[in-house]
Amino acid sequence: MNIFWPKNELTFEENIDVLSKQSINEPFAQETLEFIKALSKRFLTQKKKPEIVALGYWLRKSNIVAMKQHFYEGNTGILIKPRGTTFHIAPSNVDTIFVYSWLLSMLAGNRNVIRVSSKAAKNNLLKIILEELKCNEKIGSQTIICTYPHDGKATELISNKCHTRVVWGGNQTVNVIRSIPLSPLANELVFANRFSIAVLNSKIIEQLDNESFENLIDRFYNDSYWFNQMACSSPRLVIWVGEKSVEFWNRIELKVKQKQFEFDGATQVTKLATSLMLANDQDVKKIDSKPIFSRIELLSMNEKLRESHCGNGIFYEYETNSLNSVTHLISDADQTLTYYGFNEEELQKFAKNIESRGIDRIVPVGQALDFNSVWDGQEFLTSFTRKVVIK
């Protein structure tokens, strides 16, 4: 057990007991807003970490004010209270994701326990958070940040004390955590393995001028490479409506080189091994493997292909004549659809025709990683609060 916050001589169990006795806040309390403002300023200075800058931008005052307004507009005349203590289990593949759910729970007025991955100790994000917690006694007293091995006892202890549990991780992690009982009155949000798709209109793309084309390439690069394509919302399947664009991939290759992005040796081996394994799949037509990315042309899509994808620059490709002809490819696990070259009417029709549970977000290319208080079809602020009926 490694407790990053608070810094004291108490045991973990004692810290949990102390936290449970701390008062909760009103939703969008002024002290919370001041803490978030300070964090936002610090995050925006991390120019070499665009994902942290994006987090800082999301925390800007105008976005928080709009979030507050939307929240209370939907709850006019209702008393809204925090649920109490929220337990966040963070993933290891996306450093920033736990911060979003933590701060939304904080905005709701809750106390928070965050179990981060062991990798978190090595990044500057946690360092900034710990420094800011020292400057806000109230928020600091309502927060525990720790890491520990996959220890059922520690998770069981916190689960028994919390009122909401948030689990970020793969399907196996979710299943293991779900086997650990919660307090009878607690609720739970789980974010398991997801798969995401980009759909591109080749006729529109081939008509782009150089500036517009470069803008598209920049946005697709950010969606795909910020987290080594490991974010649940990063595109892994590219659906071309029309013929796939050779120029598109030539420009992506050039962009990756310009950014001086490189996968490490172990990642390259994993990517090559995955590509070779997939070569035997009945739905794989052709593989074009390069150090920067591997393109795998598909005849169709199946669950094995989804489960075998290792991120790190592997792009499945599928050609079709129309957007609506690929609704059958969408599975329950599909989360985000990024698009280029389609209007709202076309996208609405596509979404309505999907018969599976799949697709929770449809956003333009370049916004795959933009976080929203509604994620995987669930609204955080609603889940982090409770409504008191007074008649």
Protein backbone atom coordinates (compact mmCIF):
# COMPACT_ATOMS: atom_id res chain seq x y z
CA MET A 1 0.00 0.00 0.00
CA ASN A 2 1.38 3.39 -1.01
CA ILE A 3 -0.63 6.41 0.15
CA PHE A 4 0.19 9.49 -1.91
CA TRP A 5 -2.35 11.61 -0.07
CA PRO A 6 -2.83 12.49 2.74
CA LYS A 7 0.71 12.69 4.08
CA ASN A 8 0.46 11.51 7.67
CA GLU A 9 1.40 8.65 9.97
CA LEU A 10 -2.02 7.00 9.98
CA THR A 11 -2.66 3.55 8.56
CA PHE A 12 -4.77 3.16 5.47
CA GLU A 13 -7.71 1.89 7.52
CA GLU A 14 -7.41 4.88 9.86
CA ASN A 15 -7.32 7.28 6.92
CA ILE A 16 -10.49 5.73 5.51
CA ASP A 17 -12.22 6.17 8.89
CA VAL A 18 -11.10 9.80 9.11
CA LEU A 19 -12.29 10.49 5.56
CA SER A 20 -15.70 8.97 6.27
CA LYS A 21 -16.23 11.47 9.08
CA GLN A 22 -15.46 14.52 6.91
CA SER A 23 -18.41 16.67 5.91
CA ILE A 24 -19.62 16.70 2.33
CA ASN A 25 -20.02 19.85 0.21
CA GLU A 26 -22.92 21.31 -1.69
CA PRO A 27 -22.73 20.61 -5.43
CA PHE A 28 -20.52 23.20 -7.16
CA ALA A 29 -19.35 24.64 -3.83
CA GLN A 30 -17.13 27.73 -4.06
CA GLU A 31 -14.17 25.97 -2.43
CA THR A 32 -14.39 23.22 -5.03
CA LEU A 33 -14.50 25.76 -7.85
CA GLU A 34 -11.40 27.51 -6.49
CA PHE A 35 -9.49 24.22 -6.32
CA ILE A 36 -10.48 23.31 -9.88
CA LYS A 37 -9.50 26.78 -11.12
CA ALA A 38 -6.03 26.36 -9.58
CA LEU A 39 -5.64 22.90 -11.12
CA SER A 40 -6.73 24.16 -14.52
CA LYS A 41 -4.07 26.88 -14.50
CA ARG A 42 -1.37 24.35 -13.63
CA PHE A 43 -2.50 21.83 -16.24
CA LEU A 44 -2.51 24.46 -19.00
CA THR A 45 1.23 25.03 -18.47
CA GLN A 46 2.11 21.43 -19.41
CA LYS A 47 2.79 22.19 -23.07
CA LYS A 48 4.70 18.97 -23.70
CA LYS A 49 1.70 16.93 -22.52
CA PRO A 50 -1.22 17.85 -24.79
CA GLU A 51 -3.57 15.45 -22.98
CA ILE A 52 -2.96 17.36 -19.71
CA VAL A 53 -3.44 20.70 -21.48
CA ALA A 54 -6.74 19.36 -22.85
CA LEU A 55 -7.75 18.45 -19.29
CA GLY A 56 -6.91 21.97 -18.14
CA TYR A 57 -8.95 23.42 -20.97
CA TRP A 58 -11.92 21.21 -20.07
CA LEU A 59 -11.71 22.57 -16.51
CA ARG A 60 -11.89 26.21 -17.63
CA LYS A 61 -14.44 28.37 -15.83
CA SER A 62 -16.84 28.74 -18.78
CA ASN A 63 -17.20 24.96 -19.13
CA ILE A 64 -17.80 24.45 -15.40
CA VAL A 65 -20.39 27.26 -15.36
CA ALA A 66 -22.19 25.71 -18.35
CA MET A 67 -22.10 22.31 -16.64
CA LYS A 68 -23.58 23.77 -13.46
CA GLN A 69 -26.33 25.57 -15.38
CA HIS A 70 -27.27 22.43 -17.31
CA PHE A 71 -27.27 20.35 -14.12
CA TYR A 72 -29.59 22.64 -12.19
CA GLU A 73 -31.88 23.33 -15.16
CA GLY A 74 -32.73 19.66 -15.21
CA ASN A 75 -33.38 19.59 -11.47
CA THR A 76 -35.46 22.71 -10.84
CA GLY A 77 -37.29 22.58 -7.52
CA ILE A 78 -35.51 19.40 -6.39
CA LEU A 79 -33.06 19.14 -3.49
CA ILE A 80 -29.83 17.63 -4.80
CA LYS A 81 -27.30 16.16 -2.37
CA PRO A 82 -23.97 14.33 -2.80
CA ARG A 83 -24.08 10.56 -2.34
CA GLY A 84 -21.19 10.67 0.17
CA THR A 85 -17.91 8.88 -0.68
CA THR A 86 -16.89 7.88 -4.20
CA PHE A 87 -14.28 5.17 -4.84
CA HIS A 88 -12.46 5.53 -8.18
CA ILE A 89 -10.38 2.68 -9.60
CA ALA A 90 -8.24 4.24 -12.33
CA PRO A 91 -6.95 2.51 -15.48
CA SER A 92 -3.26 2.12 -16.30
CA ASN A 93 -3.47 3.02 -19.99
CA VAL A 94 -4.84 6.61 -19.82
CA ASP A 95 -3.23 8.80 -17.16
CA THR A 96 -5.80 11.58 -17.14
CA ILE A 97 -9.08 9.65 -17.08
CA PHE A 98 -9.36 9.27 -13.31
CA VAL A 99 -9.02 13.06 -12.91
CA TYR A 100 -12.22 13.64 -14.88
CA SER A 101 -14.35 11.31 -12.76
CA TRP A 102 -12.68 12.50 -9.54
CA LEU A 103 -13.35 16.17 -10.28
CA LEU A 104 -16.93 15.52 -11.38
CA SER A 105 -17.52 13.66 -8.13
CA MET A 106 -15.90 16.55 -6.29
CA LEU A 107 -18.17 19.03 -8.11
CA ALA A 108 -21.10 16.93 -6.94
CA GLY A 109 -19.86 17.50 -3.37
CA ASN A 110 -18.52 14.03 -2.53
CA ARG A 111 -15.54 12.76 -0.59
CA ASN A 112 -13.22 10.71 -2.82
CA VAL A 113 -10.86 7.75 -2.64
CA ILE A 114 -8.77 7.21 -5.77
CA ARG A 115 -6.74 4.09 -6.45
CA VAL A 116 -4.31 5.01 -9.22
CA SER A 117 -2.04 2.60 -11.10
CA SER A 118 1.53 2.13 -9.94
CA LYS A 119 2.65 4.02 -13.06
CA ALA A 120 1.00 7.20 -11.75
CA ALA A 121 3.82 7.85 -9.28
CA LYS A 122 6.15 8.53 -12.19
CA ASN A 123 4.11 11.20 -13.96
CA ASN A 124 3.88 14.95 -13.46
CA LEU A 125 0.08 14.90 -13.35
CA LEU A 126 -0.01 13.36 -9.89
CA LYS A 127 2.76 15.68 -8.69
CA ILE A 128 0.68 18.74 -9.63
CA ILE A 129 -2.43 17.33 -7.96
CA LEU A 130 -0.58 16.62 -4.70
CA GLU A 131 0.90 20.12 -4.67
CA GLU A 132 -2.53 21.70 -5.11
CA LEU A 133 -4.12 19.49 -2.43
CA LYS A 134 -1.63 20.97 0.05
CA CYS A 135 -3.07 24.42 -0.73
CA ASN A 136 -6.73 23.56 -0.11
CA GLU A 137 -7.36 22.15 3.35
CA LYS A 138 -11.05 21.38 2.78
CA ILE A 139 -10.59 19.45 -0.46
CA GLY A 140 -7.46 17.82 0.94
CA SER A 141 -9.40 16.49 3.93
CA GLN A 142 -11.97 14.93 1.57
CA THR A 143 -9.45 13.10 -0.61
CA ILE A 144 -7.35 9.93 -0.44
CA ILE A 145 -5.05 8.97 -3.34
CA CYS A 146 -3.30 5.63 -3.12
CA THR A 147 -2.00 2.68 -5.08
CA TYR A 148 -1.81 -0.96 -4.12
CA PRO A 149 -1.50 -4.35 -5.86
CA HIS A 150 -4.69 -6.05 -6.97
CA ASP A 151 -5.54 -6.68 -3.34
CA GLY A 152 -9.07 -7.79 -2.69
CA LYS A 153 -8.86 -6.83 1.00
CA ALA A 154 -8.11 -3.14 0.34
CA THR A 155 -10.75 -2.94 -2.36
CA GLU A 156 -13.23 -4.70 -0.09
CA LEU A 157 -12.55 -2.23 2.72
CA ILE A 158 -13.15 0.82 0.54
CA SER A 159 -16.13 -0.77 -1.25
CA ASN A 160 -17.80 -1.37 2.08
CA LYS A 161 -17.40 2.30 3.04
CA CYS A 162 -18.19 4.03 -0.25
CA HIS A 163 -21.54 5.15 -1.68
CA THR A 164 -20.46 5.06 -5.35
CA ARG A 165 -17.81 2.92 -7.02
CA VAL A 166 -16.30 3.88 -10.38
CA VAL A 167 -14.30 1.20 -12.18
CA TRP A 168 -12.12 2.01 -15.18
CA GLY A 169 -10.41 -0.99 -16.76
CA GLY A 170 -10.65 -4.02 -18.98
CA ASN A 171 -13.41 -6.60 -18.85
CA GLN A 172 -11.36 -8.83 -16.56
CA THR A 173 -10.76 -5.97 -14.10
CA VAL A 174 -14.45 -5.09 -14.09
CA ASN A 175 -15.47 -8.71 -13.43
CA VAL A 176 -12.99 -9.06 -10.56
CA ILE A 177 -14.09 -5.80 -8.93
CA ARG A 178 -17.78 -6.64 -9.39
CA SER A 179 -17.23 -9.82 -7.40
CA ILE A 180 -16.36 -7.65 -4.37
CA PRO A 181 -19.58 -6.58 -2.63
CA LEU A 182 -20.60 -2.97 -2.26
CA SER A 183 -22.48 -1.40 0.60
CA PRO A 184 -26.20 -2.21 0.02
CA LEU A 185 -27.07 1.44 -0.68
CA ALA A 186 -24.14 2.09 -3.03
CA ASN A 187 -24.31 2.41 -6.80
CA GLU A 188 -21.63 1.60 -9.37
CA LEU A 189 -20.35 2.90 -12.70
CA VAL A 190 -18.16 0.60 -14.79
CA PHE A 191 -16.17 1.44 -17.90
CA ALA A 192 -14.94 -1.77 -19.47
CA ASN A 193 -13.23 -2.58 -22.77
CA ARG A 194 -14.59 -0.48 -25.62
CA PHE A 195 -13.76 -0.23 -29.31
CA SER A 196 -14.00 2.88 -31.48
CA ILE A 197 -14.37 3.65 -35.16
CA ALA A 198 -13.67 6.46 -37.62
CA VAL A 199 -15.86 6.82 -40.70
CA LEU A 200 -14.44 8.90 -43.54
CA ASN A 201 -16.08 10.14 -46.73
CA SER A 202 -13.41 9.62 -49.38
CA LYS A 203 -15.11 11.82 -52.01
CA ILE A 204 -15.13 14.78 -49.63
CA ILE A 205 -11.54 14.15 -48.57
CA GLU A 206 -10.18 13.96 -52.09
CA GLN A 207 -11.61 17.43 -52.76
CA LEU A 208 -9.85 19.08 -49.83
CA ASP A 209 -7.27 21.79 -50.35
CA ASN A 210 -3.87 21.31 -48.73
CA GLU A 211 -4.65 23.32 -45.59
CA SER A 212 -7.92 21.51 -44.92
CA PHE A 213 -6.30 18.14 -45.56
CA GLU A 214 -3.50 18.92 -43.10
CA ASN A 215 -6.05 19.99 -40.52
CA LEU A 216 -7.81 16.63 -40.89
CA ILE A 217 -4.50 14.77 -40.55
CA ASP A 218 -3.60 16.71 -37.39
CA ARG A 219 -6.93 15.85 -35.79
CA PHE A 220 -6.79 12.17 -36.74
CA TYR A 221 -3.23 11.97 -35.40
CA ASN A 222 -4.32 13.42 -32.05
CA ASP A 223 -7.26 11.00 -31.80
CA SER A 224 -5.02 8.03 -32.52
CA TYR A 225 -1.57 8.66 -31.07
CA TRP A 226 -1.95 10.65 -27.84
CA PHE A 227 -2.35 7.50 -25.77
CA ASN A 228 -0.72 5.09 -28.24
CA GLN A 229 -4.21 4.29 -29.57
CA MET A 230 -5.00 2.66 -26.20
CA ALA A 231 -7.79 5.07 -25.19
CA CYS A 232 -11.22 3.48 -25.49
CA SER A 233 -12.31 6.31 -27.80
CA SER A 234 -9.30 6.20 -30.16
CA PRO A 235 -10.22 4.90 -33.63
CA ARG A 236 -9.10 1.37 -34.40
CA LEU A 237 -11.35 0.65 -37.37
CA VAL A 238 -11.42 3.13 -40.26
CA ILE A 239 -14.50 2.78 -42.46
CA TRP A 240 -14.13 4.39 -45.86
CA VAL A 241 -17.34 5.39 -47.63
CA GLY A 242 -15.89 5.19 -51.11
CA GLU A 243 -12.36 4.06 -51.95
CA LYS A 244 -9.73 4.35 -49.23
CA SER A 245 -7.35 7.26 -49.67
CA VAL A 246 -3.68 6.48 -50.28
CA GLU A 247 -2.89 10.18 -49.85
CA PHE A 248 -4.49 10.13 -46.38
CA TRP A 249 -2.11 7.43 -45.13
CA ASN A 250 0.91 9.01 -46.84
CA ARG A 251 0.18 12.20 -44.92
CA ILE A 252 -0.37 10.33 -41.65
CA GLU A 253 3.03 8.67 -42.09
CA LEU A 254 4.64 12.04 -42.69
CA LYS A 255 2.84 13.57 -39.69
CA VAL A 256 4.03 10.83 -37.33
CA LYS A 257 7.61 11.42 -38.50
CA GLN A 258 7.25 15.19 -38.08
CA LYS A 259 6.01 14.68 -34.52
CA GLN A 260 9.02 12.38 -33.93
CA PHE A 261 6.66 9.83 -32.46
CA GLU A 262 8.16 6.39 -31.96
CA PHE A 263 6.87 3.17 -30.44
CA ASP A 264 9.37 1.37 -28.23
CA GLY A 265 10.89 -1.97 -29.24
CA ALA A 266 8.53 -4.09 -27.15
CA THR A 267 5.51 -2.34 -28.64
CA GLN A 268 6.80 -2.90 -32.17
CA VAL A 269 7.22 -6.62 -31.46
CA THR A 270 3.68 -6.82 -30.05
CA LYS A 271 2.27 -5.01 -33.07
CA LEU A 272 4.13 -7.28 -35.52
CA ALA A 273 3.07 -10.43 -33.66
CA THR A 274 -0.55 -9.26 -33.61
CA SER A 275 -0.47 -8.48 -37.34
CA LEU A 276 0.96 -11.93 -38.12
CA MET A 277 -1.67 -13.62 -35.97
CA LEU A 278 -4.47 -11.70 -37.65
CA ALA A 279 -3.23 -12.69 -41.11
CA ASN A 280 -4.96 -16.04 -40.64
CA ASP A 281 -8.35 -14.54 -39.81
CA GLN A 282 -11.01 -15.32 -42.42
CA ASP A 283 -12.15 -11.67 -42.47
CA VAL A 284 -8.67 -10.26 -43.16
CA LYS A 285 -8.00 -9.49 -46.82
CA LYS A 286 -4.60 -7.77 -46.75
CA ILE A 287 -1.99 -6.52 -44.27
CA ASP A 288 0.40 -3.62 -44.87
CA SER A 289 2.73 -3.46 -41.86
CA LYS A 290 5.09 -0.54 -41.20
CA PRO A 291 6.97 0.62 -38.06
CA ILE A 292 4.70 3.68 -37.83
CA PHE A 293 1.41 1.85 -38.35
CA SER A 294 -0.09 -1.34 -39.71
CA ARG A 295 -3.09 -1.22 -42.04
CA ILE A 296 -5.26 -4.32 -42.10
CA GLU A 297 -7.87 -4.45 -44.84
CA LEU A 298 -11.01 -6.31 -43.83
CA LEU A 299 -13.73 -8.21 -45.67
CA SER A 300 -15.94 -7.98 -42.60
CA MET A 301 -15.65 -7.42 -38.83
CA ASN A 302 -15.82 -9.99 -36.05
CA GLU A 303 -15.39 -10.11 -32.27
CA LYS A 304 -12.02 -11.85 -32.46
CA LEU A 305 -10.62 -8.92 -34.44
CA ARG A 306 -11.93 -6.49 -31.83
CA GLU A 307 -10.50 -8.48 -28.93
CA SER A 308 -7.13 -9.05 -30.62
CA HIS A 309 -6.45 -5.38 -31.35
CA CYS A 310 -3.44 -4.22 -29.31
CA GLY A 311 -3.53 -0.49 -30.12
CA ASN A 312 -0.13 1.03 -30.89
CA GLY A 313 -0.83 1.98 -34.49
CA ILE A 314 -2.90 -0.87 -35.91
CA PHE A 315 -5.71 0.35 -38.14
CA TYR A 316 -8.36 -1.96 -39.53
CA GLU A 317 -9.86 -0.68 -42.81
CA TYR A 318 -13.17 -1.43 -44.44
CA GLU A 319 -14.63 -0.04 -47.66
CA THR A 320 -18.34 0.50 -48.29
CA ASN A 321 -20.58 2.39 -50.70
CA SER A 322 -22.78 4.04 -48.09
CA LEU A 323 -22.76 4.84 -44.39
CA ASN A 324 -25.99 2.98 -43.66
CA SER A 325 -24.69 -0.25 -45.15
CA VAL A 326 -22.30 -0.79 -42.21
CA THR A 327 -24.71 -0.63 -39.27
CA HIS A 328 -24.49 -4.44 -39.05
CA LEU A 329 -20.79 -4.11 -38.18
CA ILE A 330 -21.53 -2.21 -34.96
CA SER A 331 -21.32 -4.37 -31.83
CA ASP A 332 -22.26 -3.75 -28.19
CA ALA A 333 -18.66 -2.88 -27.30
CA ASP A 334 -18.36 -0.05 -29.84
CA GLN A 335 -18.18 3.32 -28.11
CA THR A 336 -17.13 6.34 -30.20
CA LEU A 337 -17.70 7.04 -33.87
CA THR A 338 -15.60 9.89 -35.23
CA TYR A 339 -16.60 11.16 -38.66
CA TYR A 340 -15.52 13.39 -41.51
CA GLY A 341 -17.60 14.40 -44.50
CA PHE A 342 -21.12 13.62 -43.25
CA ASN A 343 -23.99 15.88 -42.24
CA GLU A 344 -26.21 15.62 -39.16
CA GLU A 345 -29.12 14.05 -41.06
CA GLU A 346 -26.89 11.24 -42.34
CA LEU A 347 -25.47 10.62 -38.87
CA GLN A 348 -28.90 10.64 -37.22
CA LYS A 349 -30.18 8.08 -39.72
CA PHE A 350 -27.10 5.92 -39.18
CA ALA A 351 -27.46 6.01 -35.37
CA LYS A 352 -31.17 5.16 -35.51
CA ASN A 353 -30.50 2.15 -37.74
CA ILE A 354 -27.99 0.57 -35.33
CA GLU A 355 -29.69 -2.44 -33.75
CA SER A 356 -26.97 -3.37 -31.23
CA ARG A 357 -26.23 -1.54 -27.98
CA GLY A 358 -23.13 -0.03 -29.62
CA ILE A 359 -22.10 3.63 -30.15
CA ASP A 360 -22.51 6.12 -27.32
CA ARG A 361 -20.76 9.07 -28.97
CA ILE A 362 -20.69 10.47 -32.50
CA VAL A 363 -18.21 13.34 -32.80
CA PRO A 364 -16.07 14.96 -35.52
CA VAL A 365 -12.56 13.65 -36.16
CA GLY A 366 -10.32 15.42 -33.65
CA GLN A 367 -12.77 15.14 -30.75
CA ALA A 368 -12.40 11.42 -29.95
CA LEU A 369 -10.56 12.15 -26.70
CA ASP A 370 -12.69 15.13 -25.63
CA PHE A 371 -14.22 14.16 -22.32
CA ASN A 372 -17.85 14.86 -21.49
CA SER A 373 -19.83 14.59 -18.27
CA VAL A 374 -21.91 12.02 -20.15
CA TRP A 375 -19.67 9.03 -20.91
CA ASP A 376 -20.62 5.59 -22.23
CA GLY A 377 -24.23 6.75 -22.07
CA GLN A 378 -24.05 7.55 -18.33
CA GLU A 379 -24.23 11.02 -16.76
CA PHE A 380 -21.66 11.34 -13.99
CA LEU A 381 -23.26 14.17 -12.03
CA THR A 382 -26.56 12.29 -11.87
CA SER A 383 -24.82 9.12 -10.66
CA PHE A 384 -22.74 11.08 -8.11
CA THR A 385 -25.77 12.73 -6.49
CA ARG A 386 -29.16 11.79 -5.08
CA LYS A 387 -32.50 13.57 -5.18
CA VAL A 388 -34.44 14.32 -2.03
CA VAL A 389 -38.21 14.50 -2.51
CA ILE A 390 -39.97 17.07 -0.28
CA LYS A 391 -43.74 17.42 -0.47
